[in-house]
Amino acid sequence: MTIGKKITAARKKRGVTLEQLGDLIGIGKSSMSAMERGELKGGPSADTLVRIADALDAPEILLYHCQACPIRQHVVLRYFPELNNIRRDPAVIAARLRKEMVEAAEALDRLGERFSAPDFKNRPDYQEIFEREMEQVIDVKRGIEILEFELVLEGVHTPKDLKSVYERQQAKCEARGHHKPKGSK
């Protein structure tokens, strides 16, 4: 796939015409068409790609461009070969996240035991244990962010899909009387 085809796929997925996209980013329809067909000498500039990705809410365009970058392929991956072995498959990431969540639940159990002890914060080993266990809990947050990012990157879901999930969850919390944002009635 070329960057032009990636732009076309993102544009069509979001129901935007060439003319509408051109208007959003300040480029004429004929230039947009040439860009999508790969006829633009040197391809689109990085600035143009950022504007297109922002207009379409399609970070996968920028990630595709970065992955296809010859500097990344010929320099970065030679000096940092471990970057070439990262599995981005959502199923792999979900399995890794589940493992992190189990470990985080165990860490929370240990923290809960500490928190229930009288004067727990004054114990000599408290800070060390707190930091170690909280690192595990925070790994879950990072794992969730990676999963969300990869779902969008792979085109499985859009940022709008994820926002809808967050809104539904917030509505459930509010209906139960929990986690009301400031300023909420």
Protein backbone atom coordinates (compact mmCIF):
# COMPACT_ATOMS: atom_id res chain seq x y z
CA MET A 1 0.00 0.00 0.00
CA THR A 2 1.21 3.53 -0.73
CA ILE A 3 0.68 6.64 1.38
CA GLY A 4 -1.81 7.83 -1.26
CA LYS A 5 -3.84 4.64 -0.90
CA LYS A 6 -3.69 4.97 2.88
CA ILE A 7 -5.08 8.51 2.62
CA THR A 8 -7.80 7.34 0.20
CA ALA A 9 -8.82 4.50 2.52
CA ALA A 10 -9.01 6.81 5.56
CA ARG A 11 -10.91 9.46 3.60
CA LYS A 12 -13.47 6.99 2.26
CA LYS A 13 -13.85 5.28 5.62
CA ARG A 14 -14.84 8.62 7.10
CA GLY A 15 -17.13 9.54 4.19
CA VAL A 16 -15.16 12.60 3.10
CA THR A 17 -14.82 13.60 -0.56
CA LEU A 18 -11.57 14.73 -2.17
CA GLU A 19 -12.94 18.25 -2.41
CA GLN A 20 -14.02 18.31 1.24
CA LEU A 21 -10.62 17.08 2.41
CA GLY A 22 -8.86 19.61 0.19
CA ASP A 23 -11.01 22.39 1.67
CA LEU A 24 -10.23 21.20 5.21
CA ILE A 25 -6.48 21.33 4.70
CA GLY A 26 -6.19 24.11 2.11
CA ILE A 27 -5.27 22.06 -0.96
CA GLY A 28 -7.14 21.92 -4.28
CA LYS A 29 -9.09 18.86 -5.39
CA SER A 30 -6.72 18.15 -8.31
CA SER A 31 -3.67 18.26 -5.99
CA MET A 32 -5.44 15.98 -3.52
CA SER A 33 -6.27 13.57 -6.34
CA ALA A 34 -2.66 13.57 -7.56
CA MET A 35 -1.48 12.93 -3.99
CA GLU A 36 -3.80 9.94 -3.59
CA ARG A 37 -2.75 8.51 -6.96
CA GLY A 38 0.93 8.87 -6.02
CA GLU A 39 1.61 11.38 -8.79
CA LEU A 40 2.86 14.16 -6.53
CA LYS A 41 6.63 14.46 -7.00
CA GLY A 42 8.31 13.61 -3.70
CA GLY A 43 4.93 12.77 -2.17
CA PRO A 44 3.09 14.89 0.37
CA SER A 45 5.13 16.87 2.87
CA ALA A 46 5.16 15.86 6.52
CA ASP A 47 3.17 19.02 7.35
CA THR A 48 0.52 18.10 4.77
CA LEU A 49 0.29 14.56 6.15
CA VAL A 50 -0.21 15.93 9.66
CA ARG A 51 -3.02 18.20 8.43
CA ILE A 52 -4.66 15.31 6.55
CA ALA A 53 -4.38 12.95 9.53
CA ASP A 54 -5.83 15.61 11.84
CA ALA A 55 -8.66 16.47 9.45
CA LEU A 56 -9.62 12.79 9.05
CA ASP A 57 -8.83 11.87 12.67
CA ALA A 58 -6.64 9.16 11.14
CA PRO A 59 -3.33 8.69 12.99
CA GLU A 60 -2.77 5.53 10.95
CA ILE A 61 -1.70 7.77 8.04
CA LEU A 62 1.18 9.22 10.04
CA LEU A 63 2.18 5.86 11.45
CA TYR A 64 2.20 4.32 7.99
CA HIS A 65 4.40 7.18 6.78
CA CYS A 66 6.80 6.70 9.70
CA GLN A 67 6.99 2.94 9.15
CA ALA A 68 7.70 3.44 5.44
CA CYS A 69 10.38 6.07 6.13
CA PRO A 70 13.74 4.99 4.65
CA ILE A 71 15.63 6.57 7.55
CA ARG A 72 13.69 4.39 9.99
CA GLN A 73 14.17 1.29 7.87
CA HIS A 74 17.86 1.73 7.09
CA VAL A 75 19.23 3.55 10.10
CA VAL A 76 17.05 3.30 13.18
CA LEU A 77 16.27 -0.40 12.84
CA ARG A 78 19.96 -1.21 12.29
CA TYR A 79 20.97 0.50 15.50
CA PHE A 80 17.87 -0.53 17.44
CA PRO A 81 16.91 -3.98 16.08
CA GLU A 82 14.56 -4.62 19.00
CA LEU A 83 12.20 -2.04 17.46
CA ASN A 84 11.70 -4.42 14.56
CA ASN A 85 10.38 -7.20 16.82
CA ILE A 86 7.45 -5.36 18.38
CA ARG A 87 4.19 -7.26 17.75
CA ARG A 88 1.37 -4.83 17.06
CA ASP A 89 -1.39 -7.40 16.61
CA PRO A 90 -4.38 -6.41 18.81
CA ALA A 91 -4.82 -10.03 19.95
CA VAL A 92 -1.22 -10.19 21.18
CA ILE A 93 -1.55 -6.82 22.91
CA ALA A 94 -4.85 -7.89 24.53
CA ALA A 95 -3.25 -11.09 25.85
CA ARG A 96 -0.31 -9.11 27.25
CA LEU A 97 -2.72 -6.60 28.82
CA ARG A 98 -4.69 -9.40 30.49
CA LYS A 99 -1.47 -10.73 32.03
CA GLU A 100 -0.63 -7.22 33.27
CA MET A 101 -4.15 -6.88 34.73
CA VAL A 102 -3.83 -10.14 36.68
CA GLU A 103 -0.48 -8.99 38.07
CA ALA A 104 -1.98 -5.59 38.89
CA ALA A 105 -4.87 -7.23 40.77
CA GLU A 106 -2.35 -9.16 42.86
CA ALA A 107 -0.38 -5.95 43.48
CA LEU A 108 -3.60 -4.21 44.60
CA ASP A 109 -4.30 -7.08 47.01
CA ARG A 110 -0.87 -6.57 48.56
CA LEU A 111 -1.40 -2.80 48.72
CA GLY A 112 -4.81 -3.30 50.29
CA GLU A 113 -3.22 -5.39 53.03
CA ARG A 114 -0.72 -2.60 53.69
CA PHE A 115 -3.38 0.12 53.66
CA SER A 116 -5.51 -1.76 56.20
CA ALA A 117 -2.71 -1.88 58.78
CA PRO A 118 -2.76 0.85 61.43
CA ASP A 119 -0.31 3.66 60.76
CA PHE A 120 0.67 1.89 57.50
CA LYS A 121 2.46 4.89 56.01
CA ASN A 122 5.02 5.04 58.84
CA ARG A 123 6.30 1.50 58.28
CA PRO A 124 9.94 1.56 57.15
CA ASP A 125 9.34 -0.45 53.97
CA TYR A 126 6.09 1.29 52.98
CA GLN A 127 7.42 3.62 50.28
CA GLU A 128 9.44 0.91 48.55
CA ILE A 129 6.48 -1.49 48.52
CA PHE A 130 4.05 1.22 47.47
CA GLU A 131 6.20 2.22 44.48
CA ARG A 132 6.82 -1.37 43.37
CA GLU A 133 3.15 -2.35 43.51
CA MET A 134 1.91 0.90 41.94
CA GLU A 135 4.31 0.41 39.02
CA GLN A 136 2.43 -2.78 38.25
CA VAL A 137 -0.94 -1.01 38.50
CA ILE A 138 0.24 1.81 36.23
CA ASP A 139 1.41 -0.75 33.64
CA VAL A 140 -2.27 -1.57 33.09
CA LYS A 141 -3.05 2.03 32.17
CA ARG A 142 -0.14 2.03 29.72
CA GLY A 143 -1.29 -1.29 28.26
CA ILE A 144 -4.81 0.03 27.73
CA GLU A 145 -3.43 3.09 25.93
CA ILE A 146 -1.32 0.84 23.68
CA LEU A 147 -4.31 -1.39 22.87
CA GLU A 148 -6.49 1.61 22.01
CA PHE A 149 -3.74 3.10 19.85
CA GLU A 150 -3.18 -0.14 17.94
CA LEU A 151 -6.93 -0.69 17.40
CA VAL A 152 -7.05 2.71 15.70
CA LEU A 153 -3.78 2.18 13.85
CA GLU A 154 -4.92 -1.17 12.46
CA GLY A 155 -8.24 0.38 11.40
CA VAL A 156 -10.20 -1.98 13.64
CA HIS A 157 -11.86 0.99 15.38
CA THR A 158 -11.84 4.78 15.17
CA PRO A 159 -11.17 7.28 17.95
CA LYS A 160 -14.90 8.03 17.76
CA ASP A 161 -15.69 4.36 18.53
CA LEU A 162 -13.44 4.47 21.59
CA LYS A 163 -14.92 7.79 22.73
CA SER A 164 -18.37 6.21 22.54
CA VAL A 165 -17.22 3.36 24.82
CA TYR A 166 -15.84 5.88 27.34
CA GLU A 167 -19.08 7.87 27.24
CA ARG A 168 -21.19 4.73 27.80
CA GLN A 169 -19.01 3.72 30.74
CA GLN A 170 -19.22 7.22 32.23
CA ALA A 171 -23.02 7.14 31.89
CA LYS A 172 -23.11 3.80 33.78
CA CYS A 173 -20.94 5.24 36.56
CA GLU A 174 -23.12 8.32 36.87
CA ALA A 175 -26.30 6.23 36.90
CA ARG A 176 -24.86 4.36 39.89
CA GLY A 177 -23.88 7.61 41.60
CA HIS A 178 -20.12 7.15 41.09
CA HIS A 179 -17.36 9.10 39.39
CA LYS A 180 -19.31 12.20 38.47
CA PRO A 181 -17.06 14.72 36.69
CA LYS A 182 -16.81 18.19 38.20
CA GLY A 183 -19.61 20.42 37.01
CA SER A 184 -21.86 17.43 36.30
CA LYS A 185 -25.44 17.64 37.60
